[in-house]
Structure formats: C-alpha cells, structure tokens
C-alpha cells in the first residue's frame, strides 16, 4: 500500500507518539522499584542511575531471555524489543548516581567492604572510583557476607562523577 506524502508523515508521527508512550510506560515501571531518578531507596533493589549503558542493556536482555532468573524483572522485560531496551538503558545511564544508604553506617562493614574491594581488585574492572566501564563482571565465589560488606561500603561511598566520554584506557 502506498500512502500519499501527508499520510506517510501522519503514520510516522503516530508511530513516534506510540513509541514515546510505550517508553514512558516502561520507564515508569522501572521507576516503581528503582526510583524515579534511578536511585533506589528500597532495600535489596539496586540503583541503576549512572550505570554503564551496555551493562543495563545486558542485564535487561539476560532477564528477558530468562538467563538471569528474577520473578520481579521477568514480567517487566518480557516482550520488550531491543530498541526499547536500548532507549531505557540510555535514559538510566545518563541519570546522576547518588550515594544511597539504608540505616546507620556500620564502620566495621565499611572497613571490611573497603578491604574486600582492594583484595578482590574491584578497581581493575570498575576503576578506582568504582564508576565502572562497559563490561559486566561477576562476583563468582564471593560469599553473601562479603557481598553485604561490599554493598554497605559502596552505598556509602561518594557518588561517581558523570563522564561525558569513556575513561582513557591505560596502554
């Protein structure tokens, strides 16, 4: 079917409108748990603001394809198309991250988390300020207690500076 010139513009505008509505609906679903600004205030729910775009994309695809099981995430990402995932990842990666802490600081956990970050060489992948890079790393073999200490330390660390360009790689 060949649409007249005006008809093509109308179809394009309608497509853009519905696309933006779907994006807004999906962003609101994300915000319901991860916070309107991507900084979660809910215990056990990670903040996604300022995370690398590629990291967010990968995680959403892993959830969507059920390669990373999550009863909470699957209903949200099931059926999302790659362009929708990319748009959401772009949005949340551009939001500024802020330190988010739950409850009083536990100095022993902060000290333990700082020591673990050094021992596990977290700065190799995530840089010395823990701002991260595009790749995703896992904590294979790290105990739940150590992950708790790392999370406690990192949630009380100063938020990273937003970069407009990726960090330079050491040669």
N, C-alpha and C. Protein backbone atom coordinates (compact mmCIF):
# COMPACT_ATOMS: atom_id res chain seq x y z
N UNK A 1 0.85 -1.17 0.00
CA UNK A 1 0.00 0.00 0.00
C UNK A 1 0.89 1.24 0.00
N UNK A 2 0.61 2.15 -0.86
CA UNK A 2 1.39 3.37 -0.99
C UNK A 2 0.58 4.52 -0.38
N UNK A 3 1.15 5.13 0.67
CA UNK A 3 0.46 6.25 1.30
C UNK A 3 0.87 7.55 0.63
N UNK A 4 -0.05 8.49 0.49
CA UNK A 4 0.33 9.80 -0.03
C UNK A 4 1.33 10.46 0.93
N UNK A 5 2.04 11.46 0.46
CA UNK A 5 3.08 12.12 1.25
C UNK A 5 2.57 12.52 2.64
N UNK A 6 1.39 13.13 2.72
CA UNK A 6 0.82 13.53 4.01
C UNK A 6 0.52 12.31 4.87
N UNK A 7 0.07 11.25 4.27
CA UNK A 7 -0.23 10.03 5.01
C UNK A 7 1.01 9.41 5.64
N UNK A 8 2.14 9.47 4.93
CA UNK A 8 3.39 8.93 5.47
C UNK A 8 3.82 9.70 6.71
N UNK A 9 3.69 11.03 6.68
CA UNK A 9 4.05 11.84 7.84
C UNK A 9 3.14 11.54 9.02
N UNK A 10 1.87 11.38 8.76
CA UNK A 10 0.91 11.06 9.83
C UNK A 10 1.25 9.72 10.45
N UNK A 11 1.57 8.74 9.60
CA UNK A 11 1.93 7.41 10.11
C UNK A 11 3.20 7.49 10.96
N UNK A 12 4.18 8.29 10.49
CA UNK A 12 5.42 8.44 11.24
C UNK A 12 5.18 9.13 12.59
N UNK A 13 4.33 10.15 12.59
CA UNK A 13 4.01 10.84 13.83
C UNK A 13 3.27 9.93 14.81
N UNK A 14 2.34 9.15 14.31
CA UNK A 14 1.62 8.20 15.17
C UNK A 14 2.58 7.17 15.75
N UNK A 15 3.48 6.66 14.92
CA UNK A 15 4.46 5.68 15.39
C UNK A 15 5.34 6.29 16.48
N UNK A 16 5.78 7.53 16.27
CA UNK A 16 6.61 8.21 17.28
C UNK A 16 5.82 8.42 18.57
N UNK A 17 4.56 8.81 18.44
CA UNK A 17 3.72 9.03 19.63
C UNK A 17 3.56 7.73 20.42
N UNK A 18 3.20 6.64 19.74
CA UNK A 18 3.01 5.38 20.45
C UNK A 18 4.32 4.86 21.02
N UNK A 19 5.41 5.09 20.32
CA UNK A 19 6.72 4.68 20.81
C UNK A 19 7.06 5.45 22.09
N UNK A 20 6.80 6.75 22.11
CA UNK A 20 7.10 7.54 23.29
C UNK A 20 6.18 7.17 24.45
N UNK A 21 4.94 6.82 24.17
CA UNK A 21 4.02 6.37 25.22
C UNK A 21 4.51 5.06 25.83
N UNK A 22 4.93 4.13 24.97
CA UNK A 22 5.43 2.85 25.46
C UNK A 22 6.70 3.06 26.28
N UNK A 23 7.57 3.96 25.81
CA UNK A 23 8.81 4.26 26.54
C UNK A 23 8.47 4.82 27.92
N UNK A 24 7.57 5.79 27.97
CA UNK A 24 7.20 6.40 29.25
C UNK A 24 6.60 5.36 30.20
N UNK A 25 5.77 4.47 29.67
CA UNK A 25 5.18 3.42 30.49
C UNK A 25 6.26 2.49 31.03
N UNK A 26 7.22 2.11 30.18
CA UNK A 26 8.30 1.23 30.62
C UNK A 26 9.20 1.93 31.63
N UNK A 27 9.51 3.20 31.41
CA UNK A 27 10.34 3.95 32.35
C UNK A 27 9.64 4.05 33.71
N UNK A 28 8.32 4.23 33.70
CA UNK A 28 7.57 4.28 34.95
C UNK A 28 7.60 2.95 35.68
N UNK A 29 7.56 1.85 34.92
CA UNK A 29 7.67 0.53 35.55
C UNK A 29 9.03 0.39 36.23
N UNK A 30 10.09 0.84 35.58
CA UNK A 30 11.43 0.78 36.17
C UNK A 30 11.48 1.63 37.43
N UNK A 31 10.92 2.83 37.34
CA UNK A 31 10.96 3.78 38.45
C UNK A 31 10.20 3.27 39.66
N UNK A 32 9.19 2.44 39.45
CA UNK A 32 8.40 1.94 40.57
C UNK A 32 9.28 1.22 41.60
N UNK A 33 10.30 0.54 41.15
CA UNK A 33 11.20 -0.17 42.07
C UNK A 33 12.56 0.51 42.23
N UNK A 34 13.12 0.98 41.10
CA UNK A 34 14.48 1.52 41.11
C UNK A 34 14.53 3.01 41.43
N UNK A 35 13.37 3.65 41.61
CA UNK A 35 13.32 5.08 41.92
C UNK A 35 13.13 5.91 40.67
N UNK A 36 12.41 7.01 40.80
CA UNK A 36 12.11 7.87 39.65
C UNK A 36 13.38 8.39 38.99
N UNK A 37 14.42 8.59 39.81
CA UNK A 37 15.69 9.08 39.27
C UNK A 37 16.70 7.95 39.12
N UNK A 38 16.22 6.70 39.22
CA UNK A 38 17.11 5.54 39.07
C UNK A 38 17.90 5.20 40.32
N UNK A 39 17.70 5.97 41.38
CA UNK A 39 18.39 5.73 42.65
C UNK A 39 17.40 5.10 43.62
N UNK A 40 17.56 3.82 43.85
CA UNK A 40 16.62 3.07 44.68
C UNK A 40 16.74 3.44 46.15
N UNK A 41 15.61 3.50 46.81
CA UNK A 41 15.60 3.69 48.26
C UNK A 41 15.00 2.45 48.93
N UNK A 42 14.84 1.39 48.14
CA UNK A 42 14.26 0.15 48.65
C UNK A 42 15.36 -0.88 48.89
N UNK A 43 15.40 -1.40 50.11
CA UNK A 43 16.41 -2.39 50.46
C UNK A 43 16.34 -3.58 49.50
N UNK A 44 17.48 -3.98 48.99
CA UNK A 44 17.55 -5.13 48.11
C UNK A 44 17.30 -4.82 46.64
N UNK A 45 16.91 -3.58 46.32
CA UNK A 45 16.68 -3.19 44.93
C UNK A 45 17.83 -2.28 44.52
N UNK A 46 18.59 -2.66 43.51
CA UNK A 46 19.76 -1.86 43.14
C UNK A 46 19.39 -0.55 42.46
N UNK A 47 20.25 0.43 42.63
CA UNK A 47 20.13 1.68 41.89
C UNK A 47 20.70 1.44 40.50
N UNK A 48 20.06 2.02 39.49
CA UNK A 48 20.53 1.84 38.13
C UNK A 48 20.98 3.16 37.50
N UNK A 49 20.78 4.26 38.19
CA UNK A 49 21.22 5.56 37.67
C UNK A 49 22.73 5.55 37.51
N UNK A 50 23.18 6.04 36.36
CA UNK A 50 24.60 6.18 36.12
C UNK A 50 25.33 4.89 35.80
N UNK A 51 24.61 3.76 35.79
CA UNK A 51 25.27 2.52 35.41
C UNK A 51 25.62 2.60 33.92
N UNK A 52 26.69 1.94 33.50
CA UNK A 52 27.02 1.97 32.07
C UNK A 52 25.86 1.44 31.22
N UNK A 53 25.61 2.11 30.10
CA UNK A 53 24.50 1.76 29.21
C UNK A 53 24.58 0.29 28.80
N UNK A 54 25.75 -0.16 28.41
CA UNK A 54 25.91 -1.55 27.98
C UNK A 54 25.59 -2.53 29.10
N UNK A 55 25.95 -2.18 30.32
CA UNK A 55 25.65 -3.04 31.47
C UNK A 55 24.14 -3.17 31.66
N UNK A 56 23.42 -2.04 31.61
CA UNK A 56 21.96 -2.07 31.78
C UNK A 56 21.32 -2.89 30.66
N UNK A 57 21.76 -2.66 29.43
CA UNK A 57 21.23 -3.42 28.29
C UNK A 57 21.44 -4.92 28.51
N UNK A 58 22.66 -5.29 28.86
CA UNK A 58 22.96 -6.72 29.06
C UNK A 58 22.09 -7.33 30.14
N UNK A 59 21.94 -6.63 31.26
CA UNK A 59 21.14 -7.18 32.35
C UNK A 59 19.69 -7.35 31.93
N UNK A 60 19.14 -6.35 31.24
CA UNK A 60 17.74 -6.45 30.82
C UNK A 60 17.54 -7.60 29.82
N UNK A 61 18.49 -7.79 28.93
CA UNK A 61 18.39 -8.89 27.97
C UNK A 61 18.53 -10.23 28.69
N UNK A 62 19.44 -10.32 29.65
CA UNK A 62 19.57 -11.55 30.42
C UNK A 62 18.28 -11.88 31.17
N UNK A 63 17.63 -10.85 31.74
CA UNK A 63 16.34 -11.07 32.41
C UNK A 63 15.28 -11.49 31.39
N UNK A 64 15.21 -10.77 30.27
CA UNK A 64 14.18 -11.04 29.26
C UNK A 64 14.29 -12.46 28.71
N UNK A 65 15.52 -12.90 28.47
CA UNK A 65 15.75 -14.23 27.90
C UNK A 65 15.77 -15.32 28.96
N UNK A 66 15.51 -14.94 30.21
CA UNK A 66 15.47 -15.84 31.36
C UNK A 66 16.80 -16.55 31.59
N UNK A 67 17.90 -15.87 31.23
CA UNK A 67 19.23 -16.37 31.51
C UNK A 67 19.70 -15.92 32.88
N UNK A 68 19.06 -14.89 33.39
CA UNK A 68 19.25 -14.43 34.76
C UNK A 68 17.86 -14.42 35.39
N UNK A 69 17.57 -15.43 36.20
CA UNK A 69 16.22 -15.55 36.75
C UNK A 69 15.87 -14.43 37.73
N UNK A 70 14.66 -13.90 37.59
CA UNK A 70 14.14 -12.91 38.53
C UNK A 70 12.63 -12.85 38.37
N UNK A 71 11.93 -13.24 39.42
CA UNK A 71 10.47 -13.19 39.39
C UNK A 71 9.96 -11.76 39.29
N UNK A 72 10.74 -10.79 39.79
CA UNK A 72 10.32 -9.39 39.73
C UNK A 72 10.57 -8.78 38.35
N UNK A 73 11.71 -9.10 37.75
CA UNK A 73 12.08 -8.46 36.49
C UNK A 73 11.42 -9.07 35.26
N UNK A 74 11.20 -10.37 35.25
CA UNK A 74 10.68 -11.03 34.05
C UNK A 74 9.39 -10.41 33.54
N UNK A 75 8.39 -10.16 34.38
CA UNK A 75 7.16 -9.57 33.85
C UNK A 75 7.38 -8.17 33.26
N UNK A 76 8.39 -7.46 33.72
CA UNK A 76 8.65 -6.10 33.25
C UNK A 76 9.35 -6.11 31.89
N UNK A 77 10.28 -7.05 31.70
CA UNK A 77 11.09 -7.04 30.48
C UNK A 77 10.60 -8.01 29.41
N UNK A 78 9.76 -8.95 29.79
CA UNK A 78 9.27 -9.92 28.82
C UNK A 78 8.53 -9.19 27.70
N UNK A 79 8.93 -9.44 26.50
CA UNK A 79 8.28 -8.81 25.35
C UNK A 79 8.90 -7.49 24.92
N UNK A 80 9.83 -6.94 25.73
CA UNK A 80 10.49 -5.70 25.30
C UNK A 80 11.36 -5.99 24.09
N UNK A 81 11.32 -5.12 23.13
CA UNK A 81 12.17 -5.23 21.95
C UNK A 81 13.51 -4.57 22.23
N UNK A 82 14.53 -4.97 21.49
CA UNK A 82 15.86 -4.42 21.70
C UNK A 82 15.89 -2.88 21.65
N UNK A 83 15.22 -2.23 20.69
CA UNK A 83 15.26 -0.76 20.69
C UNK A 83 14.68 -0.14 21.97
N UNK A 84 13.67 -0.78 22.55
CA UNK A 84 13.10 -0.28 23.81
C UNK A 84 14.10 -0.43 24.95
N UNK A 85 14.79 -1.55 24.97
CA UNK A 85 15.81 -1.79 25.99
C UNK A 85 16.93 -0.76 25.86
N UNK A 86 17.36 -0.52 24.63
CA UNK A 86 18.44 0.45 24.39
C UNK A 86 18.02 1.83 24.87
N UNK A 87 16.79 2.22 24.58
CA UNK A 87 16.31 3.55 24.98
C UNK A 87 16.24 3.67 26.50
N UNK A 88 15.75 2.65 27.17
CA UNK A 88 15.70 2.67 28.63
C UNK A 88 17.11 2.71 29.22
N UNK A 89 18.02 1.92 28.67
CA UNK A 89 19.40 1.91 29.16
C UNK A 89 20.05 3.27 28.98
N UNK A 90 19.81 3.90 27.84
CA UNK A 90 20.35 5.25 27.61
C UNK A 90 19.82 6.22 28.67
N UNK A 91 18.52 6.15 28.91
CA UNK A 91 17.90 7.06 29.88
C UNK A 91 18.52 6.90 31.27
N UNK A 92 18.54 5.69 31.79
CA UNK A 92 19.02 5.48 33.16
C UNK A 92 20.52 5.66 33.28
N UNK A 93 21.28 5.37 32.22
CA UNK A 93 22.73 5.56 32.28
C UNK A 93 23.09 7.04 32.35
N UNK A 94 22.23 7.91 31.86
CA UNK A 94 22.50 9.36 31.88
C UNK A 94 22.09 10.03 33.18
N UNK A 95 21.31 9.36 34.01
CA UNK A 95 20.89 9.95 35.27
C UNK A 95 22.04 9.94 36.27
N UNK A 96 22.18 10.98 37.08
CA UNK A 96 23.28 11.00 38.04
C UNK A 96 23.06 10.03 39.19
N UNK A 97 24.10 9.29 39.50
CA UNK A 97 24.05 8.38 40.64
C UNK A 97 24.31 9.17 41.91
N UNK A 98 23.69 8.74 42.99
CA UNK A 98 23.95 9.37 44.28
C UNK A 98 24.12 8.28 45.31
N UNK A 99 24.85 8.59 46.34
CA UNK A 99 25.03 7.62 47.42
C UNK A 99 23.68 7.38 48.07
N UNK A 100 23.34 6.14 48.21
CA UNK A 100 22.07 5.76 48.83
C UNK A 100 22.40 4.77 49.93
N UNK A 101 22.05 5.10 51.14
CA UNK A 101 22.34 4.19 52.23
C UNK A 101 21.08 3.92 53.03
N UNK A 102 21.00 2.73 53.56
CA UNK A 102 19.88 2.33 54.39
C UNK A 102 20.37 2.20 55.82
N UNK A 103 19.81 2.94 56.70
CA UNK A 103 20.16 2.82 58.11
C UNK A 103 21.50 3.46 58.44
N UNK A 104 21.89 3.26 59.67
CA UNK A 104 23.13 3.85 60.16
C UNK A 104 24.34 3.13 59.56
N UNK A 105 25.41 3.88 59.43
CA UNK A 105 26.64 3.30 58.91
C UNK A 105 27.23 2.34 59.94
N UNK A 106 27.65 1.20 59.45
CA UNK A 106 28.33 0.20 60.27
C UNK A 106 29.80 0.30 59.90
N UNK A 107 30.60 0.93 60.77
CA UNK A 107 32.00 1.19 60.43
C UNK A 107 32.78 -0.10 60.18
N UNK A 108 32.43 -1.18 60.87
CA UNK A 108 33.12 -2.45 60.64
C UNK A 108 32.83 -2.97 59.23
N UNK A 109 31.55 -2.84 58.79
CA UNK A 109 31.21 -3.28 57.43
C UNK A 109 31.87 -2.40 56.38
N UNK A 110 31.93 -1.10 56.62
CA UNK A 110 32.59 -0.19 55.68
C UNK A 110 34.06 -0.57 55.57
N UNK A 111 34.71 -0.79 56.71
CA UNK A 111 36.14 -1.17 56.72
C UNK A 111 36.34 -2.50 56.00
N UNK A 112 35.48 -3.46 56.29
CA UNK A 112 35.56 -4.78 55.64
C UNK A 112 35.31 -4.67 54.14
N UNK A 113 34.30 -3.89 53.76
CA UNK A 113 33.99 -3.71 52.34
C UNK A 113 35.12 -3.04 51.58
N UNK A 114 35.72 -2.02 52.19
CA UNK A 114 36.85 -1.32 51.57
C UNK A 114 38.01 -2.29 51.37
N UNK A 115 38.30 -3.09 52.40
CA UNK A 115 39.40 -4.07 52.32
C UNK A 115 39.10 -5.13 51.24
N UNK A 116 37.84 -5.58 51.19
CA UNK A 116 37.47 -6.57 50.17
C UNK A 116 37.59 -5.99 48.76
N UNK A 117 37.16 -4.74 48.57
CA UNK A 117 37.26 -4.11 47.26
C UNK A 117 38.72 -4.07 46.81
N UNK A 118 39.62 -3.83 47.76
CA UNK A 118 41.05 -3.82 47.43
C UNK A 118 41.55 -5.23 47.16
N UNK A 119 41.20 -6.17 48.04
CA UNK A 119 41.66 -7.56 47.92
C UNK A 119 41.14 -8.21 46.63
N UNK A 120 39.88 -7.96 46.31
CA UNK A 120 39.28 -8.56 45.11
C UNK A 120 39.61 -7.79 43.84
N UNK A 121 40.34 -6.70 44.01
CA UNK A 121 40.79 -5.88 42.88
C UNK A 121 39.60 -5.36 42.05
N UNK A 122 38.58 -4.90 42.75
CA UNK A 122 37.37 -4.37 42.10
C UNK A 122 37.72 -3.21 41.16
N UNK A 123 38.74 -2.44 41.52
CA UNK A 123 39.14 -1.29 40.72
C UNK A 123 39.68 -1.64 39.35
N UNK A 124 40.06 -2.89 39.12
CA UNK A 124 40.56 -3.29 37.81
C UNK A 124 39.45 -3.15 36.76
N UNK A 125 38.27 -3.64 37.06
CA UNK A 125 37.14 -3.54 36.13
C UNK A 125 36.32 -2.28 36.36
N UNK A 126 36.17 -1.91 37.61
CA UNK A 126 35.24 -0.83 37.96
C UNK A 126 35.93 0.50 38.19
N UNK A 127 37.24 0.58 37.93
CA UNK A 127 38.06 1.77 38.11
C UNK A 127 38.19 2.12 39.60
N UNK A 128 39.17 2.94 39.91
CA UNK A 128 39.46 3.22 41.32
C UNK A 128 38.32 3.94 42.03
N UNK A 129 37.49 4.66 41.26
CA UNK A 129 36.35 5.36 41.88
C UNK A 129 35.06 4.54 41.78
N UNK A 130 35.17 3.30 41.30
CA UNK A 130 34.05 2.36 41.17
C UNK A 130 32.99 2.84 40.19
N UNK A 131 33.38 3.69 39.27
CA UNK A 131 32.42 4.18 38.27
C UNK A 131 32.18 3.17 37.16
N UNK A 132 33.03 2.19 37.05
CA UNK A 132 32.80 1.11 36.10
C UNK A 132 33.16 1.45 34.67
N UNK A 133 33.07 0.44 33.86
CA UNK A 133 33.31 0.56 32.44
C UNK A 133 32.16 -0.18 31.75
N UNK A 134 32.27 -0.41 30.46
CA UNK A 134 31.15 -1.01 29.74
C UNK A 134 30.97 -2.50 29.98
N UNK A 135 31.99 -3.19 30.35
CA UNK A 135 31.85 -4.63 30.52
C UNK A 135 31.12 -4.95 31.83
N UNK A 136 30.66 -6.16 31.90
CA UNK A 136 29.99 -6.61 33.11
C UNK A 136 30.90 -7.63 33.78
N UNK A 137 31.02 -7.58 35.09
CA UNK A 137 31.84 -8.54 35.84
C UNK A 137 30.95 -9.23 36.86
N UNK A 138 31.34 -10.38 37.28
CA UNK A 138 30.57 -11.13 38.27
C UNK A 138 31.39 -11.34 39.52
N UNK A 139 30.71 -11.69 40.58
CA UNK A 139 31.35 -11.95 41.86
C UNK A 139 31.35 -13.44 42.15
N UNK A 140 31.78 -14.21 41.20
CA UNK A 140 31.79 -15.66 41.35
C UNK A 140 32.68 -16.05 42.54
N UNK A 141 32.13 -16.84 43.44
CA UNK A 141 32.89 -17.32 44.57
C UNK A 141 32.96 -16.37 45.75
N UNK A 142 32.31 -15.22 45.68
CA UNK A 142 32.31 -14.27 46.79
C UNK A 142 31.10 -14.58 47.67
N UNK A 143 31.33 -14.70 48.95
CA UNK A 143 30.25 -15.09 49.88
C UNK A 143 29.20 -14.00 50.00
N UNK A 144 28.02 -14.39 50.47
CA UNK A 144 26.95 -13.42 50.69
C UNK A 144 27.36 -12.37 51.73
N UNK A 145 28.09 -12.80 52.77
CA UNK A 145 28.55 -11.87 53.80
C UNK A 145 29.51 -10.84 53.20
N UNK A 146 30.40 -11.28 52.32
CA UNK A 146 31.33 -10.35 51.67
C UNK A 146 30.60 -9.40 50.73
N UNK A 147 29.59 -9.91 50.02
CA UNK A 147 28.80 -9.05 49.14
C UNK A 147 28.06 -8.00 49.97
N UNK A 148 27.56 -8.39 51.13
CA UNK A 148 26.89 -7.44 52.03
C UNK A 148 27.86 -6.34 52.46
N UNK A 149 29.08 -6.73 52.81
CA UNK A 149 30.08 -5.74 53.22
C UNK A 149 30.44 -4.81 52.06
N UNK A 150 30.62 -5.36 50.86
CA UNK A 150 30.93 -4.55 49.69
C UNK A 150 29.79 -3.57 49.40
N UNK A 151 28.56 -4.07 49.45
CA UNK A 151 27.40 -3.22 49.18
C UNK A 151 27.29 -2.11 50.21
N UNK A 152 27.53 -2.44 51.47
CA UNK A 152 27.46 -1.43 52.54
C UNK A 152 28.51 -0.35 52.30
N UNK A 153 29.73 -0.75 51.98
CA UNK A 153 30.82 0.19 51.70
C UNK A 153 30.48 1.06 50.49
N UNK A 154 30.09 0.44 49.38
CA UNK A 154 29.84 1.18 48.15
C UNK A 154 28.62 2.10 48.27
N UNK A 155 27.60 1.69 49.03
CA UNK A 155 26.41 2.54 49.17
C UNK A 155 26.70 3.79 49.98
N UNK A 156 27.81 3.81 50.67
CA UNK A 156 28.17 4.97 51.46
C UNK A 156 29.35 5.72 50.86
N UNK A 157 29.81 5.29 49.71
CA UNK A 157 30.89 5.98 49.00
C UNK A 157 30.32 7.17 48.26
N UNK A 158 31.15 8.17 48.05
CA UNK A 158 30.70 9.35 47.30
C UNK A 158 30.29 8.92 45.90
N UNK A 159 29.20 9.47 45.39
CA UNK A 159 28.78 9.11 44.03
C UNK A 159 29.85 9.49 43.02
N UNK A 160 29.94 8.70 41.99
CA UNK A 160 30.94 8.96 40.97
C UNK A 160 30.55 10.17 40.13
N UNK A 161 31.53 10.77 39.55
CA UNK A 161 31.29 11.91 38.66
C UNK A 161 30.75 11.38 37.34
N UNK A 162 29.81 12.07 36.77
CA UNK A 162 29.28 11.68 35.47
C UNK A 162 30.30 12.06 34.41
N UNK A 163 30.57 11.14 33.52
CA UNK A 163 31.51 11.38 32.44
C UNK A 163 30.76 11.58 31.15
N UNK A 164 31.24 12.49 30.34
CA UNK A 164 30.65 12.66 29.01
C UNK A 164 31.36 11.78 28.01
N UNK A 165 32.58 11.33 28.35
CA UNK A 165 33.31 10.43 27.46
C UNK A 165 33.82 9.27 28.28
N UNK A 166 34.03 8.12 27.65
CA UNK A 166 34.55 6.98 28.39
C UNK A 166 35.95 7.26 28.90
N UNK A 167 36.37 6.58 29.98
CA UNK A 167 37.70 6.81 30.51
C UNK A 167 38.76 6.33 29.52
N UNK A 168 39.91 6.99 29.56
CA UNK A 168 41.01 6.55 28.71
C UNK A 168 41.57 5.25 29.26
N UNK A 169 41.93 4.36 28.39
CA UNK A 169 42.49 3.08 28.83
C UNK A 169 43.99 3.19 28.94
N UNK A 170 44.53 2.55 29.96
CA UNK A 170 45.98 2.53 30.14
C UNK A 170 46.61 1.73 29.01
N UNK A 171 47.76 2.18 28.57
CA UNK A 171 48.45 1.48 27.47
C UNK A 171 49.62 0.73 27.98
